[in-house]
Amino acid sequence: MGKNKKVMHSKKEEKQAKRVFLIVVIVLIILCLFLLIGSSFFA
């Protein structure tokens, strides 16, 4: 019983970690786009 609960918990943590990773990647892409757009405007 206790072992099964631990497995479920790690699955939930893994899902949350993947979501956080996706958010970080998206934020980095948006920052890159802003830098590209900004540099083309100020160039």
C-alpha atoms as a PDB file:
ATOM      1  CA  MET A   1       0.000   0.000   0.000  1.00  0.00           C
ATOM      2  CA  GLY A   2       2.692   2.481   1.024  1.00  0.00           C
ATOM      3  CA  LYS A   3       4.819   1.573  -2.010  1.00  0.00           C
ATOM      4  CA  ASN A   4       1.925   2.199  -4.420  1.00  0.00           C
ATOM      5  CA  LYS A   5       1.288   5.614  -2.876  1.00  0.00           C
ATOM      6  CA  LYS A   6       4.941   6.552  -3.399  1.00  0.00           C
ATOM      7  CA  VAL A   7       4.761   5.571  -7.085  1.00  0.00           C
ATOM      8  CA  MET A   8       1.663   7.723  -7.605  1.00  0.00           C
ATOM      9  CA  HIS A   9       3.400  10.652  -5.924  1.00  0.00           C
ATOM     10  CA  SER A  10       6.481  10.383  -8.151  1.00  0.00           C
ATOM     11  CA  LYS A  11       4.234  10.241 -11.244  1.00  0.00           C
ATOM     12  CA  LYS A  12       2.525  13.462 -10.119  1.00  0.00           C
ATOM     13  CA  GLU A  13       5.894  15.142  -9.466  1.00  0.00           C
ATOM     14  CA  GLU A  14       7.153  14.042 -12.895  1.00  0.00           C
ATOM     15  CA  LYS A  15       4.085  15.571 -14.576  1.00  0.00           C
ATOM     16  CA  GLN A  16       4.559  18.839 -12.691  1.00  0.00           C
ATOM     17  CA  ALA A  17       8.276  18.927 -13.546  1.00  0.00           C
ATOM     18  CA  LYS A  18       7.456  18.467 -17.243  1.00  0.00           C
ATOM     19  CA  ARG A  19       4.959  21.342 -17.072  1.00  0.00           C
ATOM     20  CA  VAL A  20       7.512  23.618 -15.375  1.00  0.00           C
ATOM     21  CA  PHE A  21      10.097  22.672 -18.014  1.00  0.00           C
ATOM     22  CA  LEU A  22       7.632  23.496 -20.808  1.00  0.00           C
ATOM     23  CA  ILE A  23       6.860  26.883 -19.241  1.00  0.00           C
ATOM     24  CA  VAL A  24      10.588  27.677 -18.979  1.00  0.00           C
ATOM     25  CA  VAL A  25      11.170  26.715 -22.636  1.00  0.00           C
ATOM     26  CA  ILE A  26       8.215  28.835 -23.818  1.00  0.00           C
ATOM     27  CA  VAL A  27       9.419  31.829 -21.765  1.00  0.00           C
ATOM     28  CA  LEU A  28      12.914  31.499 -23.265  1.00  0.00           C
ATOM     29  CA  ILE A  29      11.488  31.384 -26.799  1.00  0.00           C
ATOM     30  CA  ILE A  30       9.361  34.480 -26.112  1.00  0.00           C
ATOM     31  CA  LEU A  31      12.419  36.301 -24.724  1.00  0.00           C
ATOM     32  CA  CYS A  32      14.399  35.392 -27.860  1.00  0.00           C
ATOM     33  CA  LEU A  33      11.589  36.709 -30.060  1.00  0.00           C
ATOM     34  CA  PHE A  34      11.497  39.955 -28.091  1.00  0.00           C
ATOM     35  CA  LEU A  35      15.264  40.339 -28.489  1.00  0.00           C
ATOM     36  CA  LEU A  36      15.060  39.708 -32.243  1.00  0.00           C
ATOM     37  CA  ILE A  37      12.134  42.115 -32.720  1.00  0.00           C
ATOM     38  CA  GLY A  38      13.736  44.711 -30.449  1.00  0.00           C
ATOM     39  CA  SER A  39      17.107  44.560 -32.212  1.00  0.00           C
ATOM     40  CA  SER A  40      15.455  44.885 -35.627  1.00  0.00           C
ATOM     41  CA  PHE A  41      13.524  47.947 -34.415  1.00  0.00           C
ATOM     42  CA  PHE A  42      16.560  49.647 -32.863  1.00  0.00           C
ATOM     43  CA  ALA A  43      18.989  48.657 -35.610  1.00  0.00           C
END
